[in-house]
Amino acid sequence: MYSMILATASRYLLLLLLMFSVFLLFRGHNEPGGGFVGGLVAAAAYALYFIANGIEAARTIVRFEPIMIIAAGLCTAIASTLPSLVVGEVFMTAVWIDTGIPFVGKVGTPLLFDLGVYFLVLGITLCIIFSLAEEDRL
């Protein structure tokens, strides 16, 4: 039996928590935050939605299987190491590219690595949450 108040509030909180997780992701290079914390906050948002609306609704709103999110995160994190080798630097040295876009400036491989960690943590946490929820129904 689900609470109508929590179900309604969880829809709004999901969006707010996901926006906060992206904020933590982008803030993490110079201040506390980053891919790990941002991924955990995003997973907590989906966990709240699951608690309020049930496992089927949560699986529907995620849209991807958690294993695919894990694979995307791992591939992104690994891909972030390659530009340093291409330009002849030491492995995992940060490489920065000037985008020429105002308010964006330079974008570097640390952000790409953090993005990979974000998706990796999100996928692993969702996999655990969904596994526990499926086990609970048995």
Protein backbone atom coordinates (compact mmCIF):
# COMPACT_ATOMS: atom_id res chain seq x y z
CA MET A 1 0.00 0.00 0.00
CA TYR A 2 1.51 3.29 -1.13
CA SER A 3 1.00 6.80 0.20
CA MET A 4 -0.57 9.17 -2.31
CA ILE A 5 1.23 12.13 -0.73
CA LEU A 6 4.63 10.45 -0.98
CA ALA A 7 3.90 9.27 -4.53
CA THR A 8 3.04 12.81 -5.62
CA ALA A 9 5.98 14.37 -3.80
CA SER A 10 8.41 11.78 -5.17
CA ARG A 11 7.75 12.94 -8.75
CA TYR A 12 8.88 16.46 -7.90
CA LEU A 13 11.69 15.32 -5.62
CA LEU A 14 13.03 13.02 -8.34
CA LEU A 15 13.59 15.97 -10.66
CA LEU A 16 15.09 18.14 -7.92
CA LEU A 17 17.42 15.40 -6.70
CA LEU A 18 18.56 14.59 -10.25
CA MET A 19 19.33 18.27 -10.86
CA PHE A 20 21.24 18.38 -7.56
CA SER A 21 23.21 15.28 -8.55
CA VAL A 22 24.24 16.94 -11.83
CA PHE A 23 25.24 20.04 -9.85
CA LEU A 24 27.41 17.86 -7.60
CA LEU A 25 28.91 16.18 -10.65
CA PHE A 26 30.02 19.47 -12.23
CA ARG A 27 31.10 21.04 -8.94
CA GLY A 28 33.25 18.10 -7.91
CA HIS A 29 36.47 18.94 -9.71
CA ASN A 30 37.35 21.93 -7.55
CA GLU A 31 35.12 21.48 -4.50
CA PRO A 32 33.41 18.61 -2.65
CA GLY A 33 31.29 16.52 -4.96
CA GLY A 34 32.08 14.70 -8.15
CA GLY A 35 30.95 11.60 -9.95
CA PHE A 36 30.73 9.32 -6.93
CA VAL A 37 28.60 11.58 -4.76
CA GLY A 38 26.49 12.72 -7.72
CA GLY A 39 25.82 9.11 -8.70
CA LEU A 40 24.76 8.25 -5.16
CA VAL A 41 22.36 11.19 -5.01
CA ALA A 42 20.85 10.18 -8.37
CA ALA A 43 20.44 6.59 -7.15
CA ALA A 44 18.83 7.88 -3.94
CA ALA A 45 16.35 9.82 -6.07
CA TYR A 46 15.35 6.66 -7.91
CA ALA A 47 15.23 4.73 -4.62
CA LEU A 48 12.80 7.29 -3.21
CA TYR A 49 10.69 7.01 -6.34
CA PHE A 50 10.73 3.20 -6.00
CA ILE A 51 9.65 3.36 -2.35
CA ALA A 52 6.79 5.71 -3.20
CA ASN A 53 5.54 4.11 -6.44
CA GLY A 54 6.74 0.52 -6.60
CA ILE A 55 9.37 -1.37 -8.53
CA GLU A 56 7.56 -1.43 -11.89
CA ALA A 57 7.18 2.36 -11.93
CA ALA A 58 10.82 2.82 -10.96
CA ARG A 59 12.03 0.44 -13.68
CA THR A 60 9.87 2.30 -16.21
CA ILE A 61 11.26 5.70 -15.30
CA VAL A 62 14.90 4.55 -15.40
CA ARG A 63 14.41 3.41 -19.04
CA PHE A 64 17.74 1.54 -19.22
CA GLU A 65 18.81 -1.67 -17.59
CA PRO A 66 21.28 -0.93 -14.77
CA ILE A 67 23.87 -3.22 -16.39
CA MET A 68 23.81 -0.98 -19.50
CA ILE A 69 24.36 2.09 -17.30
CA ILE A 70 27.30 0.32 -15.66
CA ALA A 71 28.78 -0.54 -19.07
CA ALA A 72 28.35 3.04 -20.32
CA GLY A 73 30.03 4.41 -17.20
CA LEU A 74 32.93 2.00 -17.42
CA CYS A 75 33.48 2.71 -21.13
CA THR A 76 33.34 6.48 -20.50
CA ALA A 77 35.84 6.28 -17.63
CA ILE A 78 38.20 4.16 -19.73
CA ALA A 79 37.79 6.48 -22.73
CA SER A 80 38.82 9.44 -20.55
CA THR A 81 42.30 7.93 -20.21
CA LEU A 82 42.97 7.71 -23.95
CA PRO A 83 43.43 11.40 -24.91
CA SER A 84 46.56 11.66 -22.76
CA LEU A 85 48.12 8.77 -24.68
CA VAL A 86 47.12 10.29 -28.02
CA VAL A 87 48.87 13.60 -27.28
CA GLY A 88 51.95 11.82 -25.95
CA GLU A 89 51.52 12.56 -22.25
CA VAL A 90 51.76 10.21 -19.28
CA PHE A 91 48.76 7.87 -18.78
CA MET A 92 45.74 9.66 -17.23
CA THR A 93 47.27 13.13 -17.51
CA ALA A 94 44.50 15.71 -17.81
CA VAL A 95 43.97 17.02 -21.33
CA TRP A 96 42.00 20.25 -21.75
CA ILE A 97 40.17 21.47 -24.86
CA ASP A 98 39.04 25.07 -25.25
CA THR A 99 35.45 24.97 -26.51
CA GLY A 100 35.29 28.67 -27.33
CA ILE A 101 31.79 28.75 -25.82
CA PRO A 102 31.20 31.51 -23.25
CA PHE A 103 30.47 30.26 -19.71
CA VAL A 104 31.86 26.81 -20.62
CA GLY A 105 35.49 27.59 -21.40
CA LYS A 106 37.79 24.60 -21.25
CA VAL A 107 36.57 21.03 -20.93
CA GLY A 108 38.93 18.33 -19.80
CA THR A 109 39.29 14.61 -19.35
CA PRO A 110 38.73 14.81 -15.55
CA LEU A 111 35.11 15.76 -16.26
CA LEU A 112 34.80 12.80 -18.63
CA PHE A 113 36.23 10.51 -15.95
CA ASP A 114 33.82 11.92 -13.35
CA LEU A 115 30.93 11.35 -15.76
CA GLY A 116 31.99 7.72 -16.13
CA VAL A 117 32.17 7.30 -12.36
CA TYR A 118 28.73 8.96 -12.06
CA PHE A 119 27.11 6.42 -14.39
CA LEU A 120 29.06 3.53 -12.89
CA VAL A 121 27.92 4.34 -9.34
CA LEU A 122 24.35 5.01 -10.51
CA GLY A 123 24.17 1.70 -12.37
CA ILE A 124 25.67 -0.38 -9.56
CA THR A 125 23.43 1.20 -6.94
CA LEU A 126 20.32 0.76 -9.10
CA CYS A 127 21.30 -2.86 -9.71
CA ILE A 128 21.50 -3.43 -5.95
CA ILE A 129 18.22 -1.61 -5.26
CA PHE A 130 16.32 -3.46 -7.98
CA SER A 131 17.79 -6.81 -6.93
CA LEU A 132 16.72 -6.28 -3.34
CA ALA A 133 13.26 -5.17 -4.47
CA GLU A 134 12.82 -8.24 -6.68
CA GLU A 135 14.01 -10.50 -3.86
CA ASP A 136 11.49 -8.91 -1.52
CA ARG A 137 8.60 -9.86 -3.84
CA LEU A 138 9.48 -13.58 -3.74
